[in-house]
Amino acid sequence: MEKIMMRRRELLLGMAGLSVISPALAQPPQTELHLSLGTATPGGSFPAFGRALIAAVQEVDPGAMIEPRITKGSTENLALLKAGKLDLALVQGEYAYEALSGLRADGGGLSVVAPIDASPGMFVVQAASPVRSVPDLRGRAVALGTRGSGFTIMGRTVLQGSGIDPDHDITPILLDDAADGATQVLDGRAAALWGASLGWPGFKTLADAPDGARFFGPAPEAIPKILALRTSLRRLAVPAGSFRGQNAAIETVGSWSFILARPRLGGAAVTRLVHAIDRGRDTLAQLYPQGRESDPHNLVSNVPSAWLHPATAAYLREIGADPE
């Protein structure tokens, strides 16, 4: 009798164990997903975002393996995507708008998978610099960014809309490495540095330097002229306290950057990735200053629906943010 009771107890315990693990059995781990991601040169915001993105995605979907690849920035990223040598790439707004405006109706070209962030552009100088506005840059050396960066195009547009010829009224410095810009301001080779995004390392380097830094955007009266030059640009503001010593909000312009997919990237991969990005935004926000802006909802007002990857458009409909 005692053996029978023991056997019943073992059976009951076994059934209880099955009830605990059955949900996991019903939802087996997903297979591994392998994607390549083009970022940009070290020292810029794209590599920083890429690292944060990979960590956030893997936290919620450990089987999603994203391999970051250092590139020369948006220009090269677009070329590599079109050639099918990258699955995904980070592309700044100026370049993304130009590339996607010619999207074929059959959807066979590049497509938008997810937003990165809105990147407000600013000039930064050493705190003791006599330069206090865009007109003060006339006749001075200005680090405008790397050759392949959309931020550089944005900076040139801001100068043009402010009445300054970026090729003749200043000495433009184009960088091979985005991190060199802050160094050139600190050692005096450049009077100012142009950049964009609150997560841009060059801004933080100068703000945290012992002597401090000062940030400024275009004059308020120049902003409408700048916006008229490029459809990708938006009126943006940098909240007070975004950087050390920045006590007031800064009105400026900027654009959204996006994660783009190569032609014919499979819908299952994109669906899984977009789900993971949405679920991982808390972690992304902890690792990257504007991580919460990588919200799929932000695509609705910033990207024509024809530019979206079909899987991304389907996800937006699923969450009640109809792109149509």
C-alpha atoms as a PDB file:
ATOM      1  CA  MET A   1       0.000   0.000   0.000  1.00  0.00           C
ATOM      2  CA  GLU A   2       2.829   2.351   0.878  1.00  0.00           C
ATOM      3  CA  LYS A   3       4.448   1.720  -2.521  1.00  0.00           C
ATOM      4  CA  ILE A   4       1.155   2.518  -4.273  1.00  0.00           C
ATOM      5  CA  MET A   5       0.846   5.814  -2.370  1.00  0.00           C
ATOM      6  CA  MET A   6       4.412   6.747  -3.249  1.00  0.00           C
ATOM      7  CA  ARG A   7       3.763   5.980  -6.888  1.00  0.00           C
ATOM      8  CA  ARG A   8       0.643   8.193  -6.875  1.00  0.00           C
ATOM      9  CA  ARG A   9       2.647  11.007  -5.291  1.00  0.00           C
ATOM     10  CA  GLU A  10       5.313  10.710  -8.021  1.00  0.00           C
ATOM     11  CA  LEU A  11       2.651  10.815 -10.731  1.00  0.00           C
ATOM     12  CA  LEU A  12       1.018  13.893  -9.199  1.00  0.00           C
ATOM     13  CA  LEU A  13       4.354  15.678  -8.915  1.00  0.00           C
ATOM     14  CA  GLY A  14       5.141  14.765 -12.528  1.00  0.00           C
ATOM     15  CA  MET A  15       1.799  16.154 -13.698  1.00  0.00           C
ATOM     16  CA  ALA A  16       2.392  19.360 -11.702  1.00  0.00           C
ATOM     17  CA  GLY A  17       5.788  19.714 -13.373  1.00  0.00           C
ATOM     18  CA  LEU A  18       4.227  19.313 -16.785  1.00  0.00           C
ATOM     19  CA  SER A  19       1.694  22.030 -15.989  1.00  0.00           C
ATOM     20  CA  VAL A  20       4.555  24.418 -15.180  1.00  0.00           C
ATOM     21  CA  ILE A  21       6.603  23.739 -18.292  1.00  0.00           C
ATOM     22  CA  SER A  22       3.808  23.184 -20.781  1.00  0.00           C
ATOM     23  CA  PRO A  23       3.600  26.863 -21.884  1.00  0.00           C
ATOM     24  CA  ALA A  24       7.283  26.775 -22.734  1.00  0.00           C
ATOM     25  CA  LEU A  25       6.795  23.529 -24.594  1.00  0.00           C
ATOM     26  CA  ALA A  26       3.908  25.077 -26.488  1.00  0.00           C
ATOM     27  CA  GLN A  27       6.153  28.031 -27.514  1.00  0.00           C
ATOM     28  CA  PRO A  28       9.559  26.614 -28.496  1.00  0.00           C
ATOM     29  CA  PRO A  29      12.463  29.060 -28.800  1.00  0.00           C
ATOM     30  CA  GLN A  30      12.634  30.808 -32.139  1.00  0.00           C
ATOM     31  CA  THR A  31      15.326  29.791 -34.570  1.00  0.00           C
ATOM     32  CA  GLU A  32      18.341  32.029 -34.907  1.00  0.00           C
ATOM     33  CA  LEU A  33      18.023  35.072 -37.122  1.00  0.00           C
ATOM     34  CA  HIS A  34      21.176  36.481 -38.706  1.00  0.00           C
ATOM     35  CA  LEU A  35      21.200  40.025 -40.092  1.00  0.00           C
ATOM     36  CA  SER A  36      24.006  42.415 -41.019  1.00  0.00           C
ATOM     37  CA  LEU A  37      23.743  46.093 -40.065  1.00  0.00           C
ATOM     38  CA  GLY A  38      25.763  48.920 -41.588  1.00  0.00           C
ATOM     39  CA  THR A  39      26.515  51.770 -39.159  1.00  0.00           C
ATOM     40  CA  ALA A  40      29.187  54.442 -39.849  1.00  0.00           C
ATOM     41  CA  THR A  41      32.691  55.528 -38.874  1.00  0.00           C
ATOM     42  CA  PRO A  42      33.647  55.166 -35.187  1.00  0.00           C
ATOM     43  CA  GLY A  43      32.976  58.159 -32.978  1.00  0.00           C
ATOM     44  CA  GLY A  44      29.578  59.078 -34.430  1.00  0.00           C
ATOM     45  CA  SER A  45      26.019  58.505 -33.274  1.00  0.00           C
ATOM     46  CA  PHE A  46      25.252  55.637 -35.684  1.00  0.00           C
ATOM     47  CA  PRO A  47      27.773  53.193 -34.174  1.00  0.00           C
ATOM     48  CA  ALA A  48      26.511  54.166 -30.701  1.00  0.00           C
ATOM     49  CA  PHE A  49      22.919  53.540 -31.747  1.00  0.00           C
ATOM     50  CA  GLY A  50      23.897  50.275 -33.433  1.00  0.00           C
ATOM     51  CA  ARG A  51      25.462  48.937 -30.237  1.00  0.00           C
ATOM     52  CA  ALA A  52      22.406  49.921 -28.218  1.00  0.00           C
ATOM     53  CA  LEU A  53      20.033  48.421 -30.785  1.00  0.00           C
ATOM     54  CA  ILE A  54      21.824  45.072 -30.829  1.00  0.00           C
ATOM     55  CA  ALA A  55      21.831  44.861 -27.030  1.00  0.00           C
ATOM     56  CA  ALA A  56      18.137  45.787 -26.777  1.00  0.00           C
ATOM     57  CA  VAL A  57      17.040  43.322 -29.466  1.00  0.00           C
ATOM     58  CA  GLN A  58      19.047  40.439 -28.028  1.00  0.00           C
ATOM     59  CA  GLU A  59      17.656  41.052 -24.562  1.00  0.00           C
ATOM     60  CA  VAL A  60      14.098  40.370 -25.747  1.00  0.00           C
ATOM     61  CA  ASP A  61      15.001  37.947 -28.570  1.00  0.00           C
ATOM     62  CA  PRO A  62      18.303  36.165 -27.837  1.00  0.00           C
ATOM     63  CA  GLY A  63      18.137  34.299 -31.129  1.00  0.00           C
ATOM     64  CA  ALA A  64      18.229  37.502 -33.187  1.00  0.00           C
ATOM     65  CA  MET A  65      21.862  37.927 -34.150  1.00  0.00           C
ATOM     66  CA  ILE A  66      22.704  41.315 -35.666  1.00  0.00           C
ATOM     67  CA  GLU A  67      26.243  41.804 -36.938  1.00  0.00           C
ATOM     68  CA  PRO A  68      27.344  45.459 -36.980  1.00  0.00           C
ATOM     69  CA  ARG A  69      29.610  46.560 -39.805  1.00  0.00           C
ATOM     70  CA  ILE A  70      31.611  49.768 -39.767  1.00  0.00           C
ATOM     71  CA  THR A  71      31.082  51.793 -42.940  1.00  0.00           C
ATOM     72  CA  LYS A  72      31.754  55.301 -44.177  1.00  0.00           C
ATOM     73  CA  GLY A  73      28.189  56.345 -43.344  1.00  0.00           C
ATOM     74  CA  SER A  74      24.913  56.853 -45.152  1.00  0.00           C
ATOM     75  CA  THR A  75      26.323  57.076 -48.688  1.00  0.00           C
ATOM     76  CA  GLU A  76      28.150  53.772 -48.486  1.00  0.00           C
ATOM     77  CA  ASN A  77      25.298  52.180 -46.560  1.00  0.00           C
ATOM     78  CA  LEU A  78      22.892  52.906 -49.405  1.00  0.00           C
ATOM     79  CA  ALA A  79      25.287  51.483 -51.985  1.00  0.00           C
ATOM     80  CA  LEU A  80      25.830  48.328 -49.939  1.00  0.00           C
ATOM     81  CA  LEU A  81      22.093  47.877 -49.418  1.00  0.00           C
ATOM     82  CA  LYS A  82      21.353  48.238 -53.122  1.00  0.00           C
ATOM     83  CA  ALA A  83      24.082  45.691 -53.905  1.00  0.00           C
ATOM     84  CA  GLY A  84      22.638  43.257 -51.365  1.00  0.00           C
ATOM     85  CA  LYS A  85      25.847  43.312 -49.313  1.00  0.00           C
ATOM     86  CA  LEU A  86      23.998  44.460 -46.178  1.00  0.00           C
ATOM     87  CA  ASP A  87      20.628  43.356 -44.856  1.00  0.00           C
ATOM     88  CA  LEU A  88      20.019  46.553 -42.894  1.00  0.00           C
ATOM     89  CA  ALA A  89      21.703  49.929 -42.576  1.00  0.00           C
ATOM     90  CA  LEU A  90      21.363  53.159 -40.650  1.00  0.00           C
ATOM     91  CA  VAL A  91      20.686  56.053 -43.009  1.00  0.00           C
ATOM     92  CA  GLN A  92      20.422  59.729 -42.149  1.00  0.00           C
ATOM     93  CA  GLY A  93      17.317  61.625 -43.225  1.00  0.00           C
ATOM     94  CA  GLU A  94      18.768  63.652 -46.111  1.00  0.00           C
ATOM     95  CA  TYR A  95      20.108  60.551 -47.837  1.00  0.00           C
ATOM     96  CA  ALA A  96      17.076  58.419 -46.954  1.00  0.00           C
ATOM     97  CA  TYR A  97      14.620  60.908 -48.479  1.00  0.00           C
ATOM     98  CA  GLU A  98      16.689  61.220 -51.638  1.00  0.00           C
ATOM     99  CA  ALA A  99      17.021  57.441 -52.057  1.00  0.00           C
ATOM    100  CA  LEU A 100      13.412  56.601 -51.250  1.00  0.00           C
ATOM    101  CA  SER A 101      11.762  59.339 -53.267  1.00  0.00           C
ATOM    102  CA  GLY A 102      12.357  57.237 -56.379  1.00  0.00           C
ATOM    103  CA  LEU A 103      10.950  54.038 -54.851  1.00  0.00           C
ATOM    104  CA  ARG A 104       9.382  51.789 -57.452  1.00  0.00           C
ATOM    105  CA  ALA A 105       5.681  51.088 -57.135  1.00  0.00           C
ATOM    106  CA  ASP A 106       6.317  47.327 -56.998  1.00  0.00           C
ATOM    107  CA  GLY A 107       8.258  47.722 -53.737  1.00  0.00           C
ATOM    108  CA  GLY A 108      11.383  46.126 -55.180  1.00  0.00           C
ATOM    109  CA  GLY A 109      13.712  48.841 -53.927  1.00  0.00           C
ATOM    110  CA  LEU A 110      14.913  49.905 -50.493  1.00  0.00           C
ATOM    111  CA  SER A 111      12.405  50.226 -47.686  1.00  0.00           C
ATOM    112  CA  VAL A 112      12.093  51.662 -44.171  1.00  0.00           C
ATOM    113  CA  VAL A 113      12.043  49.109 -41.359  1.00  0.00           C
ATOM    114  CA  ALA A 114      12.074  51.326 -38.254  1.00  0.00           C
ATOM    115  CA  PRO A 115      12.855  54.863 -37.097  1.00  0.00           C
ATOM    116  CA  ILE A 116      16.100  55.713 -35.333  1.00  0.00           C
ATOM    117  CA  ASP A 117      15.534  59.195 -33.928  1.00  0.00           C
ATOM    118  CA  ALA A 118      14.989  62.822 -34.769  1.00  0.00           C
ATOM    119  CA  SER A 119      18.416  64.417 -34.983  1.00  0.00           C
ATOM    120  CA  PRO A 120      18.484  68.122 -34.129  1.00  0.00           C
ATOM    121  CA  GLY A 121      21.504  69.811 -35.666  1.00  0.00           C
ATOM    122  CA  MET A 122      23.727  72.267 -33.809  1.00  0.00           C
ATOM    123  CA  PHE A 123      27.077  73.968 -33.897  1.00  0.00           C
ATOM    124  CA  VAL A 124      29.274  73.624 -30.831  1.00  0.00           C
ATOM    125  CA  VAL A 125      32.259  75.775 -29.826  1.00  0.00           C
ATOM    126  CA  GLN A 126      34.451  76.041 -26.762  1.00  0.00           C
ATOM    127  CA  ALA A 127      32.755  78.025 -24.014  1.00  0.00           C
ATOM    128  CA  ALA A 128      35.333  80.842 -24.227  1.00  0.00           C
ATOM    129  CA  SER A 129      34.992  81.199 -28.011  1.00  0.00           C
ATOM    130  CA  PRO A 130      33.884  84.572 -29.420  1.00  0.00           C
ATOM    131  CA  VAL A 131      31.651  82.681 -31.879  1.00  0.00           C
ATOM    132  CA  ARG A 132      28.050  82.937 -30.690  1.00  0.00           C
ATOM    133  CA  SER A 133      25.942  82.582 -33.830  1.00  0.00           C
ATOM    134  CA  VAL A 134      26.053  81.217 -37.364  1.00  0.00           C
ATOM    135  CA  PRO A 135      27.101  84.573 -38.908  1.00  0.00           C
ATOM    136  CA  ASP A 136      30.108  84.582 -36.553  1.00  0.00           C
ATOM    137  CA  LEU A 137      31.429  81.500 -38.374  1.00  0.00           C
ATOM    138  CA  ARG A 138      32.243  83.564 -41.465  1.00  0.00           C
ATOM    139  CA  GLY A 139      35.968  83.368 -42.232  1.00  0.00           C
ATOM    140  CA  ARG A 140      36.585  80.535 -39.740  1.00  0.00           C
ATOM    141  CA  ALA A 141      37.390  76.841 -40.023  1.00  0.00           C
ATOM    142  CA  VAL A 142      34.362  74.652 -39.313  1.00  0.00           C
ATOM    143  CA  ALA A 143      34.346  70.858 -38.997  1.00  0.00           C
ATOM    144  CA  LEU A 144      31.212  69.834 -40.906  1.00  0.00           C
ATOM    145  CA  GLY A 145      31.429  66.070 -40.418  1.00  0.00           C
ATOM    146  CA  THR A 146      32.529  63.105 -42.488  1.00  0.00           C
ATOM    147  CA  ARG A 147      32.284  62.957 -46.268  1.00  0.00           C
ATOM    148  CA  GLY A 148      29.680  60.202 -46.283  1.00  0.00           C
ATOM    149  CA  SER A 149      27.405  61.568 -43.589  1.00  0.00           C
ATOM    150  CA  GLY A 150      23.971  63.055 -44.122  1.00  0.00           C
ATOM    151  CA  PHE A 151      24.677  65.278 -41.119  1.00  0.00           C
ATOM    152  CA  THR A 152      27.284  67.038 -43.266  1.00  0.00           C
ATOM    153  CA  ILE A 153      24.662  67.794 -45.925  1.00  0.00           C
ATOM    154  CA  MET A 154      22.366  69.095 -43.193  1.00  0.00           C
ATOM    155  CA  GLY A 155      25.112  71.399 -41.900  1.00  0.00           C
ATOM    156  CA  ARG A 156      25.771  72.793 -45.362  1.00  0.00           C
ATOM    157  CA  THR A 157      22.027  73.422 -45.787  1.00  0.00           C
ATOM    158  CA  VAL A 158      21.879  75.293 -42.473  1.00  0.00           C
ATOM    159  CA  LEU A 159      24.784  77.482 -43.568  1.00  0.00           C
ATOM    160  CA  GLN A 160      23.208  78.180 -46.967  1.00  0.00           C
ATOM    161  CA  GLY A 161      19.846  79.072 -45.417  1.00  0.00           C
ATOM    162  CA  SER A 162      21.688  81.367 -43.021  1.00  0.00           C
ATOM    163  CA  GLY A 163      23.308  83.282 -45.875  1.00  0.00           C
ATOM    164  CA  ILE A 164      26.735  81.645 -45.670  1.00  0.00           C
ATOM    165  CA  ASP A 165      28.371  79.867 -48.607  1.00  0.00           C
ATOM    166  CA  PRO A 166      29.832  76.678 -47.068  1.00  0.00           C
ATOM    167  CA  ASP A 167      32.547  76.487 -49.737  1.00  0.00           C
ATOM    168  CA  HIS A 168      33.760  80.083 -49.699  1.00  0.00           C
ATOM    169  CA  ASP A 169      32.583  81.968 -46.583  1.00  0.00           C
ATOM    170  CA  ILE A 170      34.102  79.422 -44.193  1.00  0.00           C
ATOM    171  CA  THR A 171      36.954  76.918 -44.380  1.00  0.00           C
ATOM    172  CA  PRO A 172      35.080  73.616 -44.422  1.00  0.00           C
ATOM    173  CA  ILE A 173      36.769  70.646 -42.765  1.00  0.00           C
ATOM    174  CA  LEU A 174      35.603  67.194 -43.883  1.00  0.00           C
ATOM    175  CA  LEU A 175      36.607  64.413 -41.531  1.00  0.00           C
ATOM    176  CA  ASP A 176      37.747  60.847 -42.146  1.00  0.00           C
ATOM    177  CA  ASP A 177      36.694  59.894 -38.614  1.00  0.00           C
ATOM    178  CA  ALA A 178      33.731  61.575 -36.903  1.00  0.00           C
ATOM    179  CA  ALA A 179      35.550  61.572 -33.558  1.00  0.00           C
ATOM    180  CA  ASP A 180      38.252  63.890 -34.941  1.00  0.00           C
ATOM    181  CA  GLY A 181      35.881  66.872 -35.024  1.00  0.00           C
ATOM    182  CA  ALA A 182      35.790  67.369 -31.261  1.00  0.00           C
ATOM    183  CA  THR A 183      39.575  66.985 -31.096  1.00  0.00           C
ATOM    184  CA  GLN A 184      40.050  69.693 -33.729  1.00  0.00           C
ATOM    185  CA  VAL A 185      37.865  72.133 -31.785  1.00  0.00           C
ATOM    186  CA  LEU A 186      39.770  71.405 -28.576  1.00  0.00           C
ATOM    187  CA  ASP A 187      43.200  71.914 -30.162  1.00  0.00           C
ATOM    188  CA  GLY A 188      42.116  75.011 -32.124  1.00  0.00           C
ATOM    189  CA  ARG A 189      42.270  73.660 -35.667  1.00  0.00           C
ATOM    190  CA  ALA A 190      38.513  74.228 -35.969  1.00  0.00           C
ATOM    191  CA  ALA A 191      36.538  77.113 -34.518  1.00  0.00           C
ATOM    192  CA  ALA A 192      33.326  75.083 -34.434  1.00  0.00           C
ATOM    193  CA  LEU A 193      31.931  71.635 -35.003  1.00  0.00           C
ATOM    194  CA  TRP A 194      28.617  70.805 -36.653  1.00  0.00           C
ATOM    195  CA  GLY A 195      26.738  67.697 -35.587  1.00  0.00           C
ATOM    196  CA  ALA A 196      23.289  66.287 -35.012  1.00  0.00           C
ATOM    197  CA  SER A 197      21.498  64.013 -32.530  1.00  0.00           C
ATOM    198  CA  LEU A 198      21.499  64.214 -28.755  1.00  0.00           C
ATOM    199  CA  GLY A 199      23.400  60.945 -28.763  1.00  0.00           C
ATOM    200  CA  TRP A 200      26.243  62.276 -30.893  1.00  0.00           C
ATOM    201  CA  PRO A 201      29.547  61.549 -29.056  1.00  0.00           C
ATOM    202  CA  GLY A 202      31.274  64.700 -30.346  1.00  0.00           C
ATOM    203  CA  PHE A 203      28.743  66.883 -28.541  1.00  0.00           C
ATOM    204  CA  LYS A 204      29.266  65.050 -25.266  1.00  0.00           C
ATOM    205  CA  THR A 205      33.059  65.150 -25.597  1.00  0.00           C
ATOM    206  CA  LEU A 206      33.065  68.944 -25.918  1.00  0.00           C
ATOM    207  CA  ALA A 207      30.370  69.544 -23.301  1.00  0.00           C
ATOM    208  CA  ASP A 208      32.282  67.448 -20.774  1.00  0.00           C
ATOM    209  CA  ALA A 209      35.669  69.024 -21.549  1.00  0.00           C
ATOM    210  CA  PRO A 210      37.235  70.921 -18.599  1.00  0.00           C
ATOM    211  CA  ASP A 211      36.573  74.344 -20.147  1.00  0.00           C
ATOM    212  CA  GLY A 212      33.047  73.472 -21.262  1.00  0.00           C
ATOM    213  CA  ALA A 213      31.249  74.217 -24.517  1.00  0.00           C
ATOM    214  CA  ARG A 214      28.467  76.334 -25.965  1.00  0.00           C
ATOM    215  CA  PHE A 215      25.817  75.135 -28.436  1.00  0.00           C
ATOM    216  CA  PHE A 216      23.726  77.117 -30.896  1.00  0.00           C
ATOM    217  CA  GLY A 217      21.473  76.609 -33.892  1.00  0.00           C
ATOM    218  CA  PRO A 218      20.450  78.898 -36.746  1.00  0.00           C
ATOM    219  CA  ALA A 219      18.756  82.221 -36.075  1.00  0.00           C
ATOM    220  CA  PRO A 220      14.941  81.968 -35.768  1.00  0.00           C
ATOM    221  CA  GLU A 221      14.424  84.034 -38.913  1.00  0.00           C
ATOM    222  CA  ALA A 222      16.682  81.672 -40.906  1.00  0.00           C
ATOM    223  CA  ILE A 223      14.785  78.494 -40.007  1.00  0.00           C
ATOM    224  CA  PRO A 224      11.952  78.897 -42.584  1.00  0.00           C
ATOM    225  CA  LYS A 225      14.544  79.517 -45.305  1.00  0.00           C
ATOM    226  CA  ILE A 226      16.459  76.391 -44.291  1.00  0.00           C
ATOM    227  CA  LEU A 227      13.325  74.224 -44.199  1.00  0.00           C
ATOM    228  CA  ALA A 228      12.433  75.408 -47.698  1.00  0.00           C
ATOM    229  CA  LEU A 229      15.726  74.056 -49.047  1.00  0.00           C
ATOM    230  CA  ARG A 230      15.126  70.399 -48.070  1.00  0.00           C
ATOM    231  CA  THR A 231      11.884  68.467 -47.603  1.00  0.00           C
ATOM    232  CA  SER A 232      13.602  66.068 -45.205  1.00  0.00           C
ATOM    233  CA  LEU A 233      14.236  68.777 -42.606  1.00  0.00           C
ATOM    234  CA  ARG A 234      11.945  69.474 -39.651  1.00  0.00           C
ATOM    235  CA  ARG A 235      11.774  72.194 -37.013  1.00  0.00           C
ATOM    236  CA  LEU A 236      13.184  70.623 -33.827  1.00  0.00           C
ATOM    237  CA  ALA A 237      14.220  71.734 -30.353  1.00  0.00           C
ATOM    238  CA  VAL A 238      16.987  70.605 -28.017  1.00  0.00           C
ATOM    239  CA  PRO A 239      15.609  70.577 -24.447  1.00  0.00           C
ATOM    240  CA  ALA A 240      17.470  72.585 -21.819  1.00  0.00           C
ATOM    241  CA  GLY A 241      19.934  70.464 -19.885  1.00  0.00           C
ATOM    242  CA  SER A 242      20.561  68.005 -22.713  1.00  0.00           C
ATOM    243  CA  PHE A 243      24.280  68.739 -22.314  1.00  0.00           C
ATOM    244  CA  ARG A 244      26.395  70.028 -19.432  1.00  0.00           C
ATOM    245  CA  GLY A 245      26.214  73.807 -19.287  1.00  0.00           C
ATOM    246  CA  GLN A 246      23.292  74.065 -21.734  1.00  0.00           C
ATOM    247  CA  ASN A 247      20.780  75.944 -19.597  1.00  0.00           C
ATOM    248  CA  ALA A 248      18.248  76.974 -22.256  1.00  0.00           C
ATOM    249  CA  ALA A 249      16.372  75.133 -24.987  1.00  0.00           C
ATOM    250  CA  ILE A 250      17.797  75.541 -28.491  1.00  0.00           C
ATOM    251  CA  GLU A 251      15.480  75.970 -31.474  1.00  0.00           C
ATOM    252  CA  THR A 252      16.961  74.434 -34.595  1.00  0.00           C
ATOM    253  CA  VAL A 253      16.303  72.095 -37.520  1.00  0.00           C
ATOM    254  CA  GLY A 254      17.000  68.431 -38.060  1.00  0.00           C
ATOM    255  CA  SER A 255      15.725  65.281 -39.663  1.00  0.00           C
ATOM    256  CA  TRP A 256      14.713  61.728 -38.847  1.00  0.00           C
ATOM    257  CA  SER A 257      17.106  58.884 -39.510  1.00  0.00           C
ATOM    258  CA  PHE A 258      15.918  55.379 -40.314  1.00  0.00           C
ATOM    259  CA  ILE A 259      16.834  51.713 -40.415  1.00  0.00           C
ATOM    260  CA  LEU A 260      16.573  50.747 -44.079  1.00  0.00           C
ATOM    261  CA  ALA A 261      16.349  47.259 -45.553  1.00  0.00           C
ATOM    262  CA  ARG A 262      17.906  45.902 -48.721  1.00  0.00           C
ATOM    263  CA  PRO A 263      15.641  44.939 -51.616  1.00  0.00           C
ATOM    264  CA  ARG A 264      13.668  41.731 -51.029  1.00  0.00           C
ATOM    265  CA  LEU A 265      14.593  41.299 -47.360  1.00  0.00           C
ATOM    266  CA  GLY A 266      12.133  38.691 -46.096  1.00  0.00           C
ATOM    267  CA  GLY A 267       8.992  39.739 -44.256  1.00  0.00           C
ATOM    268  CA  ALA A 268       9.442  37.194 -41.447  1.00  0.00           C
ATOM    269  CA  ALA A 269      12.840  38.660 -40.532  1.00  0.00           C
ATOM    270  CA  VAL A 270      11.520  42.220 -40.566  1.00  0.00           C
ATOM    271  CA  THR A 271       8.435  41.330 -38.526  1.00  0.00           C
ATOM    272  CA  ARG A 272      10.576  39.672 -35.886  1.00  0.00           C
ATOM    273  CA  LEU A 273      13.008  42.586 -35.799  1.00  0.00           C
ATOM    274  CA  VAL A 274      10.315  45.279 -35.504  1.00  0.00           C
ATOM    275  CA  HIS A 275       8.604  43.355 -32.706  1.00  0.00           C
ATOM    276  CA  ALA A 276      11.924  43.115 -30.865  1.00  0.00           C
ATOM    277  CA  ILE A 277      12.722  46.815 -31.323  1.00  0.00           C
ATOM    278  CA  ASP A 278       9.310  47.804 -29.993  1.00  0.00           C
ATOM    279  CA  ARG A 279       9.577  45.474 -26.999  1.00  0.00           C
ATOM    280  CA  GLY A 280      13.159  46.513 -26.288  1.00  0.00           C
ATOM    281  CA  ARG A 281      12.695  50.284 -26.260  1.00  0.00           C
ATOM    282  CA  ASP A 282      13.176  50.568 -22.485  1.00  0.00           C
ATOM    283  CA  THR A 283      16.620  49.018 -22.778  1.00  0.00           C
ATOM    284  CA  LEU A 284      17.369  51.051 -25.895  1.00  0.00           C
ATOM    285  CA  ALA A 285      16.486  54.231 -23.986  1.00  0.00           C
ATOM    286  CA  GLN A 286      18.882  53.270 -21.192  1.00  0.00           C
ATOM    287  CA  LEU A 287      21.749  52.731 -23.611  1.00  0.00           C
ATOM    288  CA  TYR A 288      21.142  55.560 -26.097  1.00  0.00           C
ATOM    289  CA  PRO A 289      19.915  59.090 -25.202  1.00  0.00           C
ATOM    290  CA  GLN A 290      17.071  59.176 -27.743  1.00  0.00           C
ATOM    291  CA  GLY A 291      16.302  55.486 -27.699  1.00  0.00           C
ATOM    292  CA  ARG A 292      12.614  55.976 -26.975  1.00  0.00           C
ATOM    293  CA  GLU A 293      12.207  57.698 -30.328  1.00  0.00           C
ATOM    294  CA  SER A 294      12.772  54.350 -32.067  1.00  0.00           C
ATOM    295  CA  ASP A 295       9.042  53.821 -31.692  1.00  0.00           C
ATOM    296  CA  PRO A 296       7.292  52.416 -34.772  1.00  0.00           C
ATOM    297  CA  HIS A 297       4.482  54.947 -34.197  1.00  0.00           C
ATOM    298  CA  ASN A 298       6.935  57.686 -35.227  1.00  0.00           C
ATOM    299  CA  LEU A 299       6.987  56.370 -38.782  1.00  0.00           C
ATOM    300  CA  VAL A 300       3.384  57.369 -39.420  1.00  0.00           C
ATOM    301  CA  SER A 301       3.958  61.132 -39.552  1.00  0.00           C
ATOM    302  CA  ASN A 302       7.494  61.052 -40.926  1.00  0.00           C
ATOM    303  CA  VAL A 303       7.518  58.444 -43.704  1.00  0.00           C
ATOM    304  CA  PRO A 304       5.162  58.051 -46.686  1.00  0.00           C
ATOM    305  CA  SER A 305       3.476  54.668 -46.437  1.00  0.00           C
ATOM    306  CA  ALA A 306       4.890  53.631 -49.832  1.00  0.00           C
ATOM    307  CA  TRP A 307       8.397  53.750 -48.339  1.00  0.00           C
ATOM    308  CA  LEU A 308       7.661  51.218 -45.564  1.00  0.00           C
ATOM    309  CA  HIS A 309       8.668  47.581 -45.728  1.00  0.00           C
ATOM    310  CA  PRO A 310       5.400  45.604 -46.064  1.00  0.00           C
ATOM    311  CA  ALA A 311       6.087  43.794 -42.783  1.00  0.00           C
ATOM    312  CA  THR A 312       6.576  47.109 -40.984  1.00  0.00           C
ATOM    313  CA  ALA A 313       3.345  48.474 -42.461  1.00  0.00           C
ATOM    314  CA  ALA A 314       1.540  45.323 -41.301  1.00  0.00           C
ATOM    315  CA  TYR A 315       2.947  45.738 -37.785  1.00  0.00           C
ATOM    316  CA  LEU A 316       1.762  49.347 -37.643  1.00  0.00           C
ATOM    317  CA  ARG A 317      -1.743  48.213 -38.553  1.00  0.00           C
ATOM    318  CA  GLU A 318      -1.485  45.516 -35.890  1.00  0.00           C
ATOM    319  CA  ILE A 319      -0.717  48.081 -33.170  1.00  0.00           C
ATOM    320  CA  GLY A 320      -3.389  50.505 -34.362  1.00  0.00           C
ATOM    321  CA  ALA A 321      -1.043  52.966 -36.095  1.00  0.00           C
ATOM    322  CA  ASP A 322      -2.386  52.564 -39.605  1.00  0.00           C
ATOM    323  CA  PRO A 323       0.181  53.952 -42.082  1.00  0.00           C
ATOM    324  CA  GLU A 324      -2.516  54.523 -44.688  1.00  0.00           C
END
